[in-house]
C-alpha atoms as a PDB file:
ATOM      1  CA  TYR A   1      40.619  32.410  66.608  1.00  0.00           C
ATOM      2  CA  LYS A   2      39.332  35.833  65.630  1.00  0.00           C
ATOM      3  CA  ASP A   3      42.866  37.224  65.810  1.00  0.00           C
ATOM      4  CA  VAL A   4      44.174  34.535  63.423  1.00  0.00           C
ATOM      5  CA  GLU A   5      41.279  35.143  61.118  1.00  0.00           C
ATOM      6  CA  SER A   6      41.869  38.914  61.090  1.00  0.00           C
ATOM      7  CA  VAL A   7      45.645  38.407  60.453  1.00  0.00           C
ATOM      8  CA  ALA A   8      44.820  36.007  57.605  1.00  0.00           C
ATOM      9  CA  GLN A   9      42.391  38.553  56.194  1.00  0.00           C
ATOM     10  CA  LEU A  10      45.034  41.297  56.436  1.00  0.00           C
ATOM     11  CA  GLU A  11      47.579  39.109  54.646  1.00  0.00           C
ATOM     12  CA  LYS A  12      45.015  38.279  51.969  1.00  0.00           C
ATOM     13  CA  ASP A  13      44.153  41.948  51.533  1.00  0.00           C
ATOM     14  CA  SER A  14      47.857  42.804  51.410  1.00  0.00           C
ATOM     15  CA  ASP A  15      48.494  40.142  48.725  1.00  0.00           C
ATOM     16  CA  SER A  16      45.544  41.319  46.678  1.00  0.00           C
ATOM     17  CA  LYS A  17      46.766  44.938  46.972  1.00  0.00           C
ATOM     18  CA  ASP A  18      50.238  43.867  45.796  1.00  0.00           C
ATOM     19  CA  GLU A  19      48.744  41.993  42.859  1.00  0.00           C
ATOM     20  CA  THR A  20      46.523  44.953  42.060  1.00  0.00           C
ATOM     21  CA  LYS A  21      49.515  47.279  42.310  1.00  0.00           C
ATOM     22  CA  LYS A  22      51.569  45.034  40.010  1.00  0.00           C
ATOM     23  CA  GLY A  23      48.629  44.828  37.604  1.00  0.00           C
ATOM     24  CA  ILE A  24      48.256  48.603  37.612  1.00  0.00           C
ATOM     25  CA  GLU A  25      51.999  49.064  37.036  1.00  0.00           C
ATOM     26  CA  ALA A  26      51.907  46.596  34.139  1.00  0.00           C
ATOM     27  CA  LYS A  27      48.845  48.330  32.729  1.00  0.00           C
ATOM     28  CA  ASP A  28      50.540  51.739  33.084  1.00  0.00           C
ATOM     29  CA  ALA A  29      53.566  50.391  31.188  1.00  0.00           C
ATOM     30  CA  ASN A  30      51.302  49.067  28.426  1.00  0.00           C
ATOM     31  CA  ASP A  31      49.315  52.326  28.415  1.00  0.00           C
ATOM     32  CA  SER A  32      52.487  54.378  28.022  1.00  0.00           C
ATOM     33  CA  ASP A  33      53.516  52.207  25.044  1.00  0.00           C
ATOM     34  CA  VAL A  34      50.044  52.636  23.578  1.00  0.00           C
ATOM     35  CA  THR A  35      50.172  56.359  24.341  1.00  0.00           C
ATOM     36  CA  GLU A  36      53.554  56.702  22.614  1.00  0.00           C
ATOM     37  CA  LYS A  37      52.282  54.798  19.616  1.00  0.00           C
ATOM     38  CA  THR A  38      49.092  56.792  19.628  1.00  0.00           C
ATOM     39  CA  GLU A  39      50.993  60.067  19.787  1.00  0.00           C
ATOM     40  CA  GLU A  40      53.181  59.013  16.866  1.00  0.00           C
ATOM     41  CA  GLU A  41      50.139  57.883  14.910  1.00  0.00           C
ATOM     42  CA  LEU A  42      48.359  61.146  15.730  1.00  0.00           C
ATOM     43  CA  LYS A  43      51.359  63.153  14.536  1.00  0.00           C
ATOM     44  CA  LYS A  44      51.434  61.212  11.282  1.00  0.00           C
ATOM     45  CA  GLU A  45      47.681  61.607  10.851  1.00  0.00           C
ATOM     46  CA  LEU A  46      47.896  65.347  11.533  1.00  0.00           C
ATOM     47  CA  GLU A  47      50.728  65.740   9.021  1.00  0.00           C
ATOM     48  CA  GLY A  48      48.751  63.780   6.436  1.00  0.00           C
ATOM     49  CA  LYS A  49      45.623  65.798   7.135  1.00  0.00           C
ATOM     50  CA  LYS A  50      47.573  69.044   6.895  1.00  0.00           C
ATOM     51  CA  LYS A  51      48.980  68.015   3.511  1.00  0.00           C
ATOM     52  CA  ARG A  52      45.515  67.019   2.288  1.00  0.00           C
ATOM     53  CA  ASP A  53      44.057  70.308   3.523  1.00  0.00           C
ATOM     54  CA  GLU A  54      46.793  72.277   1.756  1.00  0.00           C
ATOM     55  CA  ALA A  55      46.202  70.340  -1.449  1.00  0.00           C
ATOM     56  CA  GLN A  56      42.454  70.878  -1.190  1.00  0.00           C
ATOM     57  CA  ALA A  57      42.964  74.603  -0.552  1.00  0.00           C
ATOM     58  CA  LEU A  58      45.208  74.846  -3.598  1.00  0.00           C
ATOM     59  CA  ILE A  59      42.660  73.036  -5.762  1.00  0.00           C
ATOM     60  CA  ALA A  60      39.874  75.252  -4.427  1.00  0.00           C
ATOM     61  CA  ALA A  61      41.894  78.389  -5.199  1.00  0.00           C
ATOM     62  CA  GLU A  62      42.540  77.161  -8.744  1.00  0.00           C
ATOM     63  CA  LYS A  63      38.859  76.346  -9.258  1.00  0.00           C
ATOM     64  CA  LEU A  64      37.858  79.760  -7.909  1.00  0.00           C
ATOM     65  CA  GLU A  65      40.274  81.473 -10.278  1.00  0.00           C
ATOM     66  CA  GLU A  66      38.923  79.437 -13.197  1.00  0.00           C
ATOM     67  CA  SER A  67      35.326  80.290 -12.304  1.00  0.00           C
ATOM     68  CA  LEU A  68      35.985  83.971 -11.557  1.00  0.00           C
ATOM     69  CA  PRO A  69      34.872  85.172 -15.024  1.00  0.00           C
ATOM     70  CA  VAL A  70      31.585  83.298 -14.632  1.00  0.00           C
ATOM     71  CA  ILE A  71      31.073  84.766 -11.152  1.00  0.00           C
ATOM     72  CA  ILE A  72      31.708  88.273 -12.455  1.00  0.00           C
ATOM     73  CA  GLU A  73      29.329  87.691 -15.356  1.00  0.00           C
ATOM     74  CA  LEU A  74      26.688  86.500 -12.897  1.00  0.00           C
ATOM     75  CA  ALA A  75      27.240  89.557 -10.683  1.00  0.00           C
ATOM     76  CA  TRP A  76      26.899  91.806 -13.719  1.00  0.00           C
ATOM     77  CA  ALA A  77      23.668  90.078 -14.758  1.00  0.00           C
ATOM     78  CA  ILE A  78      22.228  90.460 -11.246  1.00  0.00           C
ATOM     79  CA  ASN A  79      23.221  94.138 -11.060  1.00  0.00           C
ATOM     80  CA  ASN A  80      21.920  94.792 -14.554  1.00  0.00           C
ATOM     81  CA  ARG A  81      18.548  93.252 -13.688  1.00  0.00           C
ATOM     82  CA  ASP A  82      18.388  95.156 -10.399  1.00  0.00           C
ATOM     83  CA  ILE A  83      19.180  98.484 -12.076  1.00  0.00           C
ATOM     84  CA  SER A  84      16.673  97.831 -14.877  1.00  0.00           C
ATOM     85  CA  LYS A  85      13.946  96.867 -12.432  1.00  0.00           C
ATOM     86  CA  THR A  86      14.626  99.908 -10.233  1.00  0.00           C
ATOM     87  CA  LEU A  87      14.550 102.227 -13.258  1.00  0.00           C
ATOM     88  CA  LYS A  88      11.306 100.681 -14.465  1.00  0.00           C
ATOM     89  CA  HIS A  89       9.573 101.154 -11.109  1.00  0.00           C
ATOM     90  CA  THR A  90      10.981 104.660 -10.671  1.00  0.00           C
ATOM     91  CA  CYS A  91       9.896 105.761 -14.136  1.00  0.00           C
ATOM     92  CA  ASN A  92       6.490 104.194 -13.643  1.00  0.00           C
ATOM     93  CA  LYS A  93       6.073 106.125 -10.407  1.00  0.00           C
ATOM     94  CA  LEU A  94       7.354 109.379 -11.956  1.00  0.00           C
ATOM     95  CA  PHE A  95       5.109 109.184 -15.010  1.00  0.00           C
ATOM     96  CA  THR A  96       1.905 107.929 -13.370  1.00  0.00           C
ATOM     97  CA  ASP A  97       1.903 110.083 -10.235  1.00  0.00           C
ATOM     98  CA  ALA A  98      -1.711 111.285 -10.028  1.00  0.00           C
ATOM     99  CA  ASN A  99      -0.850 113.856  -7.347  1.00  0.00           C
ATOM    100  CA  VAL A 100       0.855 116.180  -9.845  1.00  0.00           C
ATOM    101  CA  GLU A 101      -0.298 117.889 -13.014  1.00  0.00           C
ATOM    102  CA  MET A 102       0.304 116.498 -16.469  1.00  0.00           C
ATOM    103  CA  LYS A 103       2.806 119.301 -17.175  1.00  0.00           C
ATOM    104  CA  VAL A 104       4.998 118.151 -14.252  1.00  0.00           C
ATOM    105  CA  ARG A 105       4.857 114.556 -15.470  1.00  0.00           C
ATOM    106  CA  TYR A 106       5.905 115.733 -18.933  1.00  0.00           C
ATOM    107  CA  GLU A 107       8.857 117.663 -17.454  1.00  0.00           C
ATOM    108  CA  ARG A 108       9.869 114.555 -15.508  1.00  0.00           C
ATOM    109  CA  ALA A 109       9.736 112.470 -18.686  1.00  0.00           C
ATOM    110  CA  GLU A 110      11.910 115.051 -20.471  1.00  0.00           C
ATOM    111  CA  ALA A 111      14.455 114.956 -17.601  1.00  0.00           C
ATOM    112  CA  VAL A 112      14.595 111.135 -17.760  1.00  0.00           C
ATOM    113  CA  ARG A 113      15.121 111.346 -21.556  1.00  0.00           C
ATOM    114  CA  ILE A 114      18.058 113.746 -21.078  1.00  0.00           C
ATOM    115  CA  ILE A 115      19.638 111.528 -18.409  1.00  0.00           C
ATOM    116  CA  GLY A 116      19.141 108.450 -20.607  1.00  0.00           C
ATOM    117  CA  LYS A 117      20.764 110.200 -23.560  1.00  0.00           C
ATOM    118  CA  GLN A 118      23.801 111.099 -21.419  1.00  0.00           C
ATOM    119  CA  PHE A 119      24.141 107.523 -20.160  1.00  0.00           C
ATOM    120  CA  TYR A 120      23.914 106.269 -23.732  1.00  0.00           C
ATOM    121  CA  GLU A 121      26.663 108.665 -24.908  1.00  0.00           C
ATOM    122  CA  VAL A 122      28.977 107.695 -22.055  1.00  0.00           C
ATOM    123  CA  GLY A 123      28.336 104.005 -22.710  1.00  0.00           C
ATOM    124  CA  LYS A 124      29.029 104.437 -26.420  1.00  0.00           C
ATOM    125  CA  ASP A 125      32.311 106.238 -25.669  1.00  0.00           C
ATOM    126  CA  SER A 126      33.378 103.587 -23.178  1.00  0.00           C
ATOM    127  CA  GLU A 127      32.773 100.791 -25.711  1.00  0.00           C
ATOM    128  CA  SER A 128      35.483 102.257 -27.928  1.00  0.00           C
ATOM    129  CA  ASN A 129      37.857 102.410 -24.942  1.00  0.00           C
ATOM    130  CA  THR A 130      37.242  98.820 -23.872  1.00  0.00           C
ATOM    131  CA  THR A 131      40.098  97.354 -21.894  1.00  0.00           C
ATOM    132  CA  THR A 132      40.539  93.788 -20.785  1.00  0.00           C
ATOM    133  CA  VAL A 133      40.614  93.241 -17.073  1.00  0.00           C
ATOM    134  CA  GLU A 134      42.909  90.562 -15.747  1.00  0.00           C
ATOM    135  CA  THR A 135      41.774  88.008 -13.212  1.00  0.00           C
ATOM    136  CA  GLY A 136      44.586  89.066 -10.867  1.00  0.00           C
ATOM    137  CA  ASP A 137      43.346  92.662 -10.933  1.00  0.00           C
ATOM    138  CA  ILE A 138      39.811  91.597 -10.057  1.00  0.00           C
ATOM    139  CA  LYS A 139      41.097  89.309  -7.318  1.00  0.00           C
ATOM    140  CA  ALA A 140      43.273  92.066  -5.833  1.00  0.00           C
ATOM    141  CA  ARG A 141      40.393  94.540  -5.876  1.00  0.00           C
ATOM    142  CA  ALA A 142      38.078  92.024  -4.214  1.00  0.00           C
ATOM    143  CA  GLU A 143      40.626  91.316  -1.458  1.00  0.00           C
ATOM    144  CA  VAL A 144      41.143  95.018  -0.818  1.00  0.00           C
ATOM    145  CA  ALA A 145      37.389  95.590  -0.786  1.00  0.00           C
ATOM    146  CA  VAL A 146      37.059  92.964   1.947  1.00  0.00           C
ATOM    147  CA  MET A 147      39.902  94.553   3.951  1.00  0.00           C
ATOM    148  CA  ARG A 148      38.377  98.002   3.519  1.00  0.00           C
ATOM    149  CA  THR A 149      34.977  96.751   4.697  1.00  0.00           C
ATOM    150  CA  MET A 150      36.568  95.160   7.760  1.00  0.00           C
ATOM    151  CA  ALA A 151      38.462  98.383   8.506  1.00  0.00           C
ATOM    152  CA  LYS A 152      35.247 100.411   8.287  1.00  0.00           C
ATOM    153  CA  ALA A 153      33.502  97.941  10.581  1.00  0.00           C
ATOM    154  CA  GLN A 154      36.238  98.588  13.143  1.00  0.00           C
ATOM    155  CA  GLY A 155      35.797 102.350  12.835  1.00  0.00           C
ATOM    156  CA  GLN A 156      38.844 102.968  10.639  1.00  0.00           C
ATOM    157  CA  ASP A 157      38.577 105.094   7.541  1.00  0.00           C
ATOM    158  CA  MET A 158      40.548 104.591   4.345  1.00  0.00           C
ATOM    159  CA  SER A 159      40.963 107.109   1.549  1.00  0.00           C
ATOM    160  CA  GLU A 160      40.689 106.221  -2.138  1.00  0.00           C
ATOM    161  CA  ASP A 161      44.458 106.727  -2.475  1.00  0.00           C
ATOM    162  CA  ASP A 162      45.078 104.224   0.337  1.00  0.00           C
ATOM    163  CA  THR A 163      42.780 101.774  -1.416  1.00  0.00           C
ATOM    164  CA  GLU A 164      44.631 102.100  -4.724  1.00  0.00           C
ATOM    165  CA  VAL A 165      47.985 101.644  -2.973  1.00  0.00           C
ATOM    166  CA  MET A 166      46.683  98.475  -1.309  1.00  0.00           C
ATOM    167  CA  ILE A 167      45.386  97.185  -4.659  1.00  0.00           C
ATOM    168  CA  ASN A 168      48.791  97.749  -6.263  1.00  0.00           C
ATOM    169  CA  GLN A 169      50.512  96.020  -3.326  1.00  0.00           C
ATOM    170  CA  ALA A 170      48.123  93.072  -3.590  1.00  0.00           C
ATOM    171  CA  LYS A 171      48.862  92.779  -7.339  1.00  0.00           C
ATOM    172  CA  THR A 172      52.618  92.924  -6.698  1.00  0.00           C
ATOM    173  CA  MET A 173      52.396  90.293  -3.970  1.00  0.00           C
ATOM    174  CA  ALA A 174      50.256  88.017  -6.170  1.00  0.00           C
ATOM    175  CA  ALA A 175      52.727  88.354  -9.056  1.00  0.00           C
ATOM    176  CA  ALA A 176      55.663  87.586  -6.749  1.00  0.00           C
ATOM    177  CA  GLN A 177      53.864  84.570  -5.318  1.00  0.00           C
ATOM    178  CA  LYS A 178      53.012  83.320  -8.810  1.00  0.00           C
ATOM    179  CA  ALA A 179      56.649  83.722  -9.881  1.00  0.00           C
ATOM    180  CA  ALA A 180      57.873  81.884  -6.780  1.00  0.00           C
ATOM    181  CA  THR A 181      55.418  79.049  -7.402  1.00  0.00           C
ATOM    182  CA  ALA A 182      56.518  78.794 -11.034  1.00  0.00           C
ATOM    183  CA  ALA A 183      60.180  78.793  -9.996  1.00  0.00           C
ATOM    184  CA  ALA A 184      59.544  76.092  -7.405  1.00  0.00           C
ATOM    185  CA  ALA A 185      57.685  73.983  -9.960  1.00  0.00           C
ATOM    186  CA  ALA A 186      60.495  74.437 -12.478  1.00  0.00           C
ATOM    187  CA  SER A 187      63.154  73.471  -9.955  1.00  0.00           C
ATOM    188  CA  ALA A 188      61.156  70.433  -8.878  1.00  0.00           C
ATOM    189  CA  ALA A 189      60.815  69.327 -12.496  1.00  0.00           C
ATOM    190  CA  THR A 190      64.532  69.653 -13.209  1.00  0.00           C
ATOM    191  CA  PRO A 191      66.424  66.533 -12.050  1.00  0.00           C
ATOM    192  CA  LEU A 192      69.586  67.084 -10.063  1.00  0.00           C
ATOM    193  CA  GLN A 193      72.757  66.038 -11.856  1.00  0.00           C
ATOM    194  CA  PRO A 194      75.774  64.709  -9.966  1.00  0.00           C
ATOM    195  CA  PRO A 195      78.831  66.964  -9.988  1.00  0.00           C
ATOM    196  CA  SER A 196      81.415  66.110 -12.677  1.00  0.00           C
END
Protein backbone atom coordinates (compact mmCIF):
# COMPACT_ATOMS: atom_id res chain seq x y z
CA TYR A 1 0.00 0.00 0.00
CA LYS A 2 2.81 2.41 0.82
CA ASP A 3 4.40 1.71 -2.57
CA VAL A 4 1.15 2.57 -4.40
CA GLU A 5 0.76 5.67 -2.32
CA SER A 6 4.34 6.80 -3.04
CA VAL A 7 3.88 6.13 -6.81
CA ALA A 8 0.62 8.10 -6.75
CA GLN A 9 2.38 10.92 -4.93
CA LEU A 10 5.21 10.89 -7.50
CA GLU A 11 2.71 11.03 -10.36
CA LYS A 12 0.87 13.87 -8.65
CA ASP A 13 4.12 15.76 -8.09
CA SER A 14 5.11 15.11 -11.70
CA ASP A 15 1.75 16.43 -12.98
CA SER A 16 1.98 19.50 -10.80
CA LYS A 17 5.56 20.12 -12.02
CA ASP A 18 4.38 19.83 -15.64
CA GLU A 19 1.53 22.25 -14.98
CA THR A 20 3.90 24.60 -13.20
CA LYS A 21 6.36 24.32 -16.08
CA LYS A 22 3.61 25.04 -18.62
CA GLY A 23 2.42 27.96 -16.50
CA ILE A 24 5.95 29.34 -16.28
CA GLU A 25 6.42 28.95 -20.05
CA ALA A 26 3.12 30.74 -20.70
CA LYS A 27 4.09 33.46 -18.24
CA ASP A 28 7.52 33.82 -19.89
CA ALA A 29 5.80 34.20 -23.28
CA ASN A 30 3.49 36.87 -21.86
CA ASP A 31 6.42 38.55 -20.09
CA SER A 32 8.42 38.70 -23.32
CA ASP A 33 5.44 40.34 -25.08
CA VAL A 34 5.13 42.79 -22.19
CA THR A 35 8.89 43.33 -22.24
CA GLU A 36 8.85 44.04 -25.98
CA LYS A 37 5.97 46.44 -25.56
CA THR A 38 7.65 48.01 -22.58
CA GLU A 39 10.90 48.44 -24.48
CA GLU A 40 9.06 50.08 -27.37
CA GLU A 41 7.15 52.32 -24.98
CA LEU A 42 10.38 53.20 -23.17
CA LYS A 43 12.05 54.10 -26.46
CA LYS A 44 9.14 56.33 -27.39
CA GLU A 45 9.13 57.92 -23.94
CA LEU A 46 12.89 58.52 -24.10
CA GLU A 47 12.59 60.10 -27.54
CA GLY A 48 9.75 62.31 -26.32
CA LYS A 49 11.69 63.26 -23.21
CA LYS A 50 14.78 64.03 -25.26
CA LYS A 51 12.76 66.31 -27.55
CA ARG A 52 11.20 68.05 -24.54
CA ASP A 53 14.61 68.48 -22.92
CA GLU A 54 16.04 69.95 -26.12
CA ALA A 55 13.10 72.34 -26.41
CA GLN A 56 13.46 73.35 -22.77
CA ALA A 57 17.21 73.90 -23.21
CA LEU A 58 16.55 76.08 -26.25
CA ILE A 59 13.96 78.13 -24.36
CA ALA A 60 16.32 78.47 -21.40
CA ALA A 61 19.13 79.66 -23.67
CA GLU A 62 16.83 82.24 -25.27
CA LYS A 63 15.66 83.46 -21.86
CA LEU A 64 19.25 83.70 -20.65
CA GLU A 65 20.22 85.72 -23.71
CA GLU A 66 17.24 88.03 -23.18
CA SER A 67 18.11 88.54 -19.51
CA LEU A 68 21.86 88.93 -20.07
CA PRO A 69 21.76 92.77 -20.05
CA VAL A 70 19.92 92.71 -16.72
CA ILE A 71 22.44 90.23 -15.28
CA ILE A 72 25.33 92.41 -16.40
CA GLU A 73 23.66 95.49 -14.94
CA LEU A 74 23.20 93.63 -11.65
CA ALA A 75 26.85 92.53 -11.66
CA TRP A 76 27.92 96.11 -12.30
CA ALA A 77 25.74 97.37 -9.44
CA ILE A 78 27.19 94.76 -7.06
CA ASN A 79 30.77 95.57 -8.10
CA ASN A 80 30.13 99.29 -7.89
CA ARG A 81 28.76 98.95 -4.35
CA ASP A 82 31.65 96.69 -3.33
CA ILE A 83 34.26 99.10 -4.70
CA SER A 84 32.55 102.10 -3.08
CA LYS A 85 32.29 100.35 0.27
CA THR A 86 35.93 99.22 0.14
CA LEU A 87 37.09 102.75 -0.75
CA LYS A 88 35.02 104.22 2.07
CA HIS A 89 36.48 101.87 4.67
CA THR A 90 40.02 102.27 3.32
CA CYS A 91 39.82 106.05 3.31
CA ASN A 92 38.29 106.05 6.78
CA LYS A 93 41.17 103.92 8.03
CA LEU A 94 43.79 106.05 6.23
CA PHE A 95 42.43 109.36 7.51
CA THR A 96 41.60 108.37 11.10
CA ASP A 97 44.68 106.29 11.92
CA ALA A 98 45.65 107.54 15.39
CA ASN A 99 49.02 105.77 15.24
CA VAL A 100 50.48 108.31 12.80
CA GLU A 101 50.94 112.06 12.92
CA MET A 102 48.51 114.52 11.41
CA LYS A 103 51.07 115.40 8.70
CA VAL A 104 51.11 111.76 7.49
CA ARG A 105 47.31 111.67 7.41
CA TYR A 106 47.32 114.88 5.37
CA GLU A 107 49.82 113.37 2.89
CA ARG A 108 47.62 110.28 2.61
CA ALA A 109 44.58 112.46 1.90
CA GLU A 110 46.54 114.32 -0.80
CA ALA A 111 47.58 111.00 -2.40
CA VAL A 112 43.94 109.80 -2.43
CA ARG A 113 42.90 113.13 -4.04
CA ILE A 114 45.50 112.68 -6.80
CA ILE A 115 44.42 109.08 -7.46
CA GLY A 116 40.75 110.15 -7.50
CA LYS A 117 41.51 112.93 -9.97
CA GLN A 118 43.26 110.46 -12.29
CA PHE A 119 40.35 108.02 -12.12
CA TYR A 120 37.95 110.86 -12.88
CA GLU A 121 39.99 111.95 -15.94
CA VAL A 122 40.18 108.40 -17.30
CA GLY A 123 36.45 107.92 -16.73
CA LYS A 124 35.65 111.19 -18.48
CA ASP A 125 37.81 110.20 -21.47
CA SER A 126 36.22 106.76 -21.68
CA GLU A 127 32.70 108.26 -21.72
CA SER A 128 33.51 109.97 -25.01
CA ASN A 129 34.81 106.67 -26.42
CA THR A 130 31.75 104.67 -25.39
CA THR A 131 31.22 101.59 -27.50
CA THR A 132 28.27 99.25 -27.46
CA VAL A 133 29.01 95.72 -26.44
CA GLU A 134 27.09 92.97 -28.15
CA THR A 135 25.47 90.15 -26.24
CA GLY A 136 27.43 87.61 -28.29
CA ASP A 137 30.71 89.24 -27.27
CA ILE A 138 29.78 89.10 -23.59
CA LYS A 139 28.63 85.50 -23.94
CA ALA A 140 31.86 84.49 -25.70
CA ARG A 141 33.98 86.18 -23.06
CA ALA A 142 32.03 84.49 -20.26
CA GLU A 143 32.46 81.06 -21.88
CA VAL A 144 36.18 81.60 -22.34
CA ALA A 145 36.49 82.83 -18.76
CA VAL A 146 34.92 79.58 -17.55
CA MET A 147 37.27 77.52 -19.76
CA ARG A 148 40.27 79.51 -18.55
CA THR A 149 39.28 78.99 -14.91
CA MET A 150 38.91 75.25 -15.49
CA ALA A 151 42.31 75.14 -17.21
CA LYS A 152 43.94 76.94 -14.28
CA ALA A 153 42.28 74.54 -11.85
CA GLN A 154 43.92 71.69 -13.76
CA GLY A 155 47.33 73.37 -13.57
CA GLN A 156 47.36 74.68 -17.14
CA ASP A 157 48.30 78.26 -17.86
CA MET A 158 46.88 80.39 -20.65
CA SER A 159 48.33 83.64 -21.95
CA GLU A 160 46.24 86.72 -22.71
CA ASP A 161 46.84 86.13 -26.44
CA ASP A 162 45.47 82.58 -26.12
CA THR A 163 42.43 83.97 -24.33
CA GLU A 164 41.74 86.52 -27.07
CA VAL A 165 42.12 83.84 -29.76
CA MET A 166 39.62 81.64 -27.91
CA ILE A 167 37.20 84.58 -27.58
CA ASN A 168 37.40 85.24 -31.33
CA GLN A 169 36.88 81.53 -32.06
CA ALA A 170 33.86 81.44 -29.74
CA LYS A 171 32.38 84.49 -31.51
CA THR A 172 32.97 82.90 -34.93
CA MET A 173 31.40 79.63 -33.83
CA ALA A 174 28.38 81.43 -32.33
CA ALA A 175 27.88 83.43 -35.53
CA ALA A 176 28.13 80.27 -37.65
CA GLN A 177 25.66 78.47 -35.40
CA LYS A 178 23.26 81.42 -35.54
CA ALA A 179 23.50 81.49 -39.35
CA ALA A 180 22.90 77.73 -39.55
CA THR A 181 19.87 78.02 -37.28
CA ALA A 182 18.48 80.88 -39.36
CA ALA A 183 19.06 78.91 -42.57
CA ALA A 184 17.35 75.85 -41.11
CA ALA A 185 14.39 77.95 -39.99
CA ALA A 186 14.15 79.57 -43.42
CA SER A 187 14.26 76.22 -45.20
CA ALA A 188 11.64 74.79 -42.86
CA ALA A 189 9.36 77.75 -43.53
CA THR A 190 9.66 77.45 -47.31
CA PRO A 191 7.24 74.81 -48.66
CA LEU A 192 8.63 72.32 -51.14
CA GLN A 193 7.24 72.67 -54.65
CA PRO A 194 6.82 69.67 -56.94
CA PRO A 195 9.13 69.59 -59.96
CA SER A 196 7.59 70.98 -63.17
